[in-house]
Amino acid sequence: MNFRDSARPAEISGTSATGLWRGTSRTDRDGARRERLLEAALKLYGTLGFRGTSIQALCHESGVSSRSFYELFPARRSDAQQESLSAQESLLEQLYIVLNEEIGEAMTSLTIPAESDLLDTTVRIVSAALMPMLADERKARVLEIEAVGVNESLEARRRETMRMLAAAVDVAFTRVASTFDLSLPGASPRCDDGGLTSLIIVGGITEALVQRVHTPVPERMPTADFLMHVSKVALRAYGAGPDMVAGSA
């Protein structure tokens, strides 16, 4: 994954170019350091855990000096939550943003073949959202375990992310209901449920993913079966009957 593509100039201190050093601008050097730090954070937070990782370990893994670390991810005060965030918390928050952007891009770029049936379509939607985390479980651990309860600023961001994912689920299943003419009562999100159906689905899938990460690999069901089960549960939550979700295993 290319972390540099998600760089935001306002979030990098000291990025004004002051000339070239060995043919590289300060902006480019800072971008490369930032990318290496995010890659190191994914590796270490996703294996040792956020609280088990020191800044020294991050700098050693990334080959970035501690001075550059604090310049790129300075401790700061959250304006919204009125709390102080450490440099490591700033790094974790940015990693959380980047990983969620990857999932959003996967959902946005999803295409469904015209010949897909209801169950296959649903599996493709679920797979787009979950495969980045299933293919690299360090991402699942960072997003769903390590980022939980760190500070109120990140908790607020997590709640907003859940609402955004729930809205995306609503849009996806509204299209599914329309495409496959699911006219049964409850076959599409109720306009008066306040988004509860989609929030419950997203929350349930999140917990299922956490349980999977904590389950030893030999004891897990195959990834394809996991995606199939999640897809069938989601369809039933939206009111599709057993005959509609039977599909082909």
Protein backbone atom coordinates (compact mmCIF):
# COMPACT_ATOMS: atom_id res chain seq x y z
CA MET A 1 0.00 0.00 0.00
CA ASN A 2 1.30 3.45 -0.90
CA PHE A 3 0.98 5.62 2.18
CA ARG A 4 2.48 8.62 0.46
CA ASP A 5 -0.60 9.08 -1.74
CA SER A 6 -2.58 9.97 1.38
CA ALA A 7 -0.15 12.65 2.55
CA ARG A 8 -1.74 15.95 3.43
CA PRO A 9 0.63 18.93 3.29
CA ALA A 10 -1.06 20.61 6.27
CA GLU A 11 -0.30 17.59 8.42
CA ILE A 12 3.43 17.59 7.74
CA SER A 13 5.47 20.19 9.55
CA GLY A 14 8.42 21.84 7.89
CA THR A 15 7.42 20.83 4.35
CA SER A 16 8.34 24.08 2.60
CA ALA A 17 11.11 23.35 0.15
CA THR A 18 14.39 24.98 1.13
CA GLY A 19 16.35 23.78 -1.87
CA LEU A 20 17.54 20.36 -2.91
CA TRP A 21 19.70 17.94 -0.97
CA ARG A 22 21.27 15.28 -3.17
CA GLY A 23 18.65 16.10 -5.79
CA THR A 24 15.68 15.65 -3.42
CA SER A 25 13.46 18.39 -2.04
CA ARG A 26 12.56 18.68 1.64
CA THR A 27 8.94 17.97 0.76
CA ASP A 28 9.85 14.71 -0.98
CA ARG A 29 12.18 13.66 1.85
CA ASP A 30 9.47 14.31 4.43
CA GLY A 31 6.95 12.41 2.32
CA ALA A 32 9.25 9.40 2.11
CA ARG A 33 9.93 9.47 5.87
CA ARG A 34 6.23 9.76 6.60
CA GLU A 35 5.50 6.78 4.37
CA ARG A 36 8.18 4.68 6.08
CA LEU A 37 6.82 5.60 9.51
CA LEU A 38 3.28 4.61 8.52
CA GLU A 39 4.58 1.32 7.14
CA ALA A 40 6.50 0.71 10.38
CA ALA A 41 3.41 1.58 12.42
CA LEU A 42 1.30 -0.91 10.46
CA LYS A 43 3.90 -3.62 11.03
CA LEU A 44 4.49 -2.97 14.73
CA TYR A 45 1.01 -1.88 15.84
CA GLY A 46 -0.42 -4.75 13.84
CA THR A 47 1.80 -7.35 15.53
CA LEU A 48 3.14 -6.07 18.85
CA GLY A 49 0.24 -3.71 19.45
CA PHE A 50 0.03 0.06 19.90
CA ARG A 51 0.85 0.01 23.60
CA GLY A 52 3.64 -2.50 23.06
CA THR A 53 5.46 -0.31 20.55
CA SER A 54 7.93 2.42 21.44
CA ILE A 55 8.92 5.42 19.38
CA GLN A 56 12.44 4.03 19.38
CA ALA A 57 11.16 0.82 17.77
CA LEU A 58 9.22 2.78 15.16
CA CYS A 59 12.28 4.86 14.29
CA HIS A 60 14.51 1.77 14.11
CA GLU A 61 12.03 -0.08 11.88
CA SER A 62 11.53 2.88 9.55
CA GLY A 63 15.08 4.22 9.49
CA VAL A 64 13.75 7.64 10.49
CA SER A 65 15.33 9.71 13.26
CA SER A 66 13.36 10.53 16.39
CA ARG A 67 13.70 14.21 15.52
CA SER A 68 11.98 13.65 12.18
CA PHE A 69 9.35 11.51 13.88
CA TYR A 70 8.34 14.37 16.18
CA GLU A 71 8.43 16.84 13.30
CA LEU A 72 6.15 14.72 11.11
CA PHE A 73 3.78 13.53 13.87
CA PRO A 74 3.98 16.14 16.62
CA ALA A 75 2.10 15.91 19.89
CA ARG A 76 -0.90 18.20 19.60
CA ARG A 77 -4.11 19.29 21.21
CA SER A 78 -7.42 18.13 19.78
CA ASP A 79 -9.59 21.18 19.16
CA ALA A 80 -12.84 19.18 19.10
CA GLN A 81 -12.21 17.00 22.15
CA GLN A 82 -9.97 19.39 24.12
CA GLU A 83 -7.41 16.73 24.95
CA SER A 84 -3.70 16.33 24.39
CA LEU A 85 -2.57 13.71 21.90
CA SER A 86 0.91 12.21 22.03
CA ALA A 87 3.10 11.87 18.95
CA GLN A 88 2.32 8.15 18.82
CA GLU A 89 -1.41 8.85 19.04
CA SER A 90 -1.08 11.28 16.12
CA LEU A 91 0.66 8.56 14.10
CA LEU A 92 -2.00 5.98 14.99
CA GLU A 93 -4.78 8.38 14.03
CA GLN A 94 -3.20 9.06 10.64
CA LEU A 95 -2.70 5.33 10.04
CA TYR A 96 -6.37 4.78 10.94
CA ILE A 97 -7.37 7.40 8.36
CA VAL A 98 -5.18 5.91 5.63
CA LEU A 99 -6.43 2.35 6.18
CA ASN A 100 -10.05 3.45 6.10
CA GLU A 101 -9.38 5.34 2.89
CA GLU A 102 -8.16 2.07 1.37
CA ILE A 103 -11.44 0.37 2.28
CA GLY A 104 -13.42 3.29 0.92
CA GLU A 105 -11.51 3.13 -2.37
CA ALA A 106 -12.19 -0.61 -2.62
CA MET A 107 -15.91 -0.01 -2.13
CA THR A 108 -15.99 2.88 -4.60
CA SER A 109 -14.16 0.96 -7.34
CA LEU A 110 -16.29 -2.18 -6.95
CA THR A 111 -17.92 -3.45 -10.13
CA ILE A 112 -20.54 -6.20 -10.25
CA PRO A 113 -20.75 -8.45 -13.35
CA ALA A 114 -24.15 -8.31 -15.01
CA GLU A 115 -24.60 -12.07 -14.62
CA SER A 116 -24.15 -12.05 -10.83
CA ASP A 117 -27.07 -13.37 -8.78
CA LEU A 118 -28.26 -11.91 -5.48
CA LEU A 119 -25.92 -13.86 -3.22
CA ASP A 120 -22.87 -13.40 -5.45
CA THR A 121 -23.54 -9.66 -5.62
CA THR A 122 -23.75 -9.45 -1.84
CA VAL A 123 -20.56 -11.48 -1.40
CA ARG A 124 -18.74 -9.10 -3.75
CA ILE A 125 -19.91 -6.08 -1.73
CA VAL A 126 -18.90 -7.66 1.58
CA SER A 127 -15.57 -8.80 0.13
CA ALA A 128 -14.73 -5.30 -1.09
CA ALA A 129 -15.17 -3.97 2.44
CA LEU A 130 -13.42 -6.80 4.30
CA MET A 131 -10.70 -8.19 2.03
CA PRO A 132 -8.16 -5.42 2.78
CA MET A 133 -8.33 -6.56 6.42
CA LEU A 134 -8.64 -10.27 5.71
CA ALA A 135 -5.72 -10.23 3.29
CA ASP A 136 -3.53 -8.34 5.79
CA GLU A 137 -4.72 -8.92 9.34
CA ARG A 138 -2.39 -6.27 10.68
CA LYS A 139 -4.86 -3.79 9.21
CA ALA A 140 -7.76 -5.50 10.97
CA ARG A 141 -5.91 -5.38 14.26
CA VAL A 142 -5.03 -1.70 13.89
CA LEU A 143 -8.54 -0.66 12.83
CA GLU A 144 -10.65 -2.84 15.08
CA ILE A 145 -8.48 -3.52 18.13
CA GLU A 146 -5.51 -1.18 18.60
CA ALA A 147 -7.40 2.02 17.74
CA VAL A 148 -10.14 1.31 20.28
CA GLY A 149 -10.16 3.34 23.50
CA VAL A 150 -6.92 5.21 22.89
CA ASN A 151 -8.37 8.70 23.25
CA GLU A 152 -11.68 10.49 22.76
CA SER A 153 -10.52 12.13 19.53
CA LEU A 154 -9.94 8.76 17.90
CA GLU A 155 -13.15 7.36 19.42
CA ALA A 156 -15.09 10.22 17.82
CA ARG A 157 -13.41 9.44 14.51
CA ARG A 158 -14.28 5.74 14.91
CA ARG A 159 -17.95 6.57 15.54
CA GLU A 160 -18.03 8.79 12.48
CA THR A 161 -16.40 6.04 10.43
CA MET A 162 -19.06 3.57 11.61
CA ARG A 163 -21.79 5.98 10.51
CA MET A 164 -20.15 6.44 7.12
CA LEU A 165 -19.80 2.68 6.63
CA ALA A 166 -23.42 2.18 7.68
CA ALA A 167 -24.51 4.76 5.12
CA ALA A 168 -22.47 2.97 2.45
CA VAL A 169 -24.17 -0.31 3.42
CA ASP A 170 -27.59 1.35 3.07
CA VAL A 171 -26.71 2.58 -0.41
CA ALA A 172 -25.34 -0.80 -1.48
CA PHE A 173 -28.32 -2.80 -0.26
CA THR A 174 -30.84 -0.30 -1.62
CA ARG A 175 -29.28 -0.92 -5.04
CA VAL A 176 -29.30 -4.66 -4.47
CA ALA A 177 -32.98 -4.54 -3.51
CA SER A 178 -33.78 -2.52 -6.61
CA THR A 179 -31.71 -4.70 -8.97
CA PHE A 180 -33.17 -7.98 -7.75
CA ASP A 181 -36.68 -6.63 -7.10
CA LEU A 182 -36.72 -7.51 -3.43
CA SER A 183 -40.26 -6.28 -2.84
CA LEU A 184 -40.93 -8.24 0.33
CA PRO A 185 -41.53 -6.20 3.50
CA GLY A 186 -38.21 -5.36 5.08
CA ALA A 187 -36.21 -6.31 1.99
CA SER A 188 -34.66 -2.87 1.91
CA PRO A 189 -33.65 -0.48 4.71
CA ARG A 190 -36.67 1.13 6.34
CA CYS A 191 -36.59 4.87 5.82
CA ASP A 192 -37.69 5.41 9.42
CA ASP A 193 -35.27 3.14 11.27
CA GLY A 194 -32.64 5.86 11.69
CA GLY A 195 -30.01 3.70 10.03
CA LEU A 196 -30.19 1.11 12.83
CA THR A 197 -30.22 -1.87 10.46
CA SER A 198 -27.00 -0.86 8.77
CA LEU A 199 -25.34 0.17 12.05
CA ILE A 200 -26.17 -3.21 13.56
CA ILE A 201 -24.78 -4.98 10.50
CA VAL A 202 -21.54 -2.96 10.54
CA GLY A 203 -21.14 -3.44 14.29
CA GLY A 204 -21.80 -7.17 14.03
CA ILE A 205 -19.36 -7.62 11.18
CA THR A 206 -16.75 -5.67 13.14
CA GLU A 207 -17.11 -8.00 16.13
CA ALA A 208 -17.00 -11.06 13.87
CA LEU A 209 -13.76 -9.75 12.39
CA VAL A 210 -12.26 -9.17 15.85
CA GLN A 211 -13.19 -12.69 16.92
CA ARG A 212 -11.58 -14.04 13.76
CA VAL A 213 -8.33 -12.18 14.44
CA HIS A 214 -8.25 -13.65 17.96
CA THR A 215 -8.94 -17.19 16.72
CA PRO A 216 -5.88 -19.36 15.96
CA VAL A 217 -5.47 -19.80 12.22
CA PRO A 218 -5.97 -23.61 12.22
CA GLU A 219 -9.32 -23.16 13.98
CA ARG A 220 -10.78 -20.57 11.58
CA MET A 221 -13.27 -21.25 8.84
CA PRO A 222 -11.89 -20.60 5.34
CA THR A 223 -12.02 -16.97 4.21
CA ALA A 224 -14.49 -17.71 1.41
CA ASP A 225 -16.86 -19.40 3.87
CA PHE A 226 -16.52 -16.48 6.29
CA LEU A 227 -17.48 -14.00 3.56
CA MET A 228 -20.38 -16.21 2.49
CA HIS A 229 -21.77 -16.46 6.03
CA VAL A 230 -21.46 -12.71 6.60
CA SER A 231 -23.22 -12.04 3.30
CA LYS A 232 -26.13 -14.34 4.15
CA VAL A 233 -26.56 -12.75 7.57
CA ALA A 234 -26.60 -9.29 5.96
CA LEU A 235 -29.23 -10.37 3.43
CA ARG A 236 -31.45 -11.82 6.14
CA ALA A 237 -31.09 -8.61 8.15
CA TYR A 238 -32.52 -6.75 5.18
CA GLY A 239 -35.48 -9.09 4.97
CA ALA A 240 -34.49 -11.54 2.25
CA GLY A 241 -36.05 -14.95 2.85
CA PRO A 242 -34.14 -18.29 3.04
CA ASP A 243 -34.92 -19.09 -0.59
CA MET A 244 -33.37 -15.81 -1.71
CA VAL A 245 -30.13 -16.25 0.20
CA ALA A 246 -29.64 -19.97 -0.39
CA GLY A 247 -27.54 -19.44 -3.51
CA SER A 248 -24.73 -21.79 -4.28
CA ALA A 249 -22.18 -22.53 -1.57
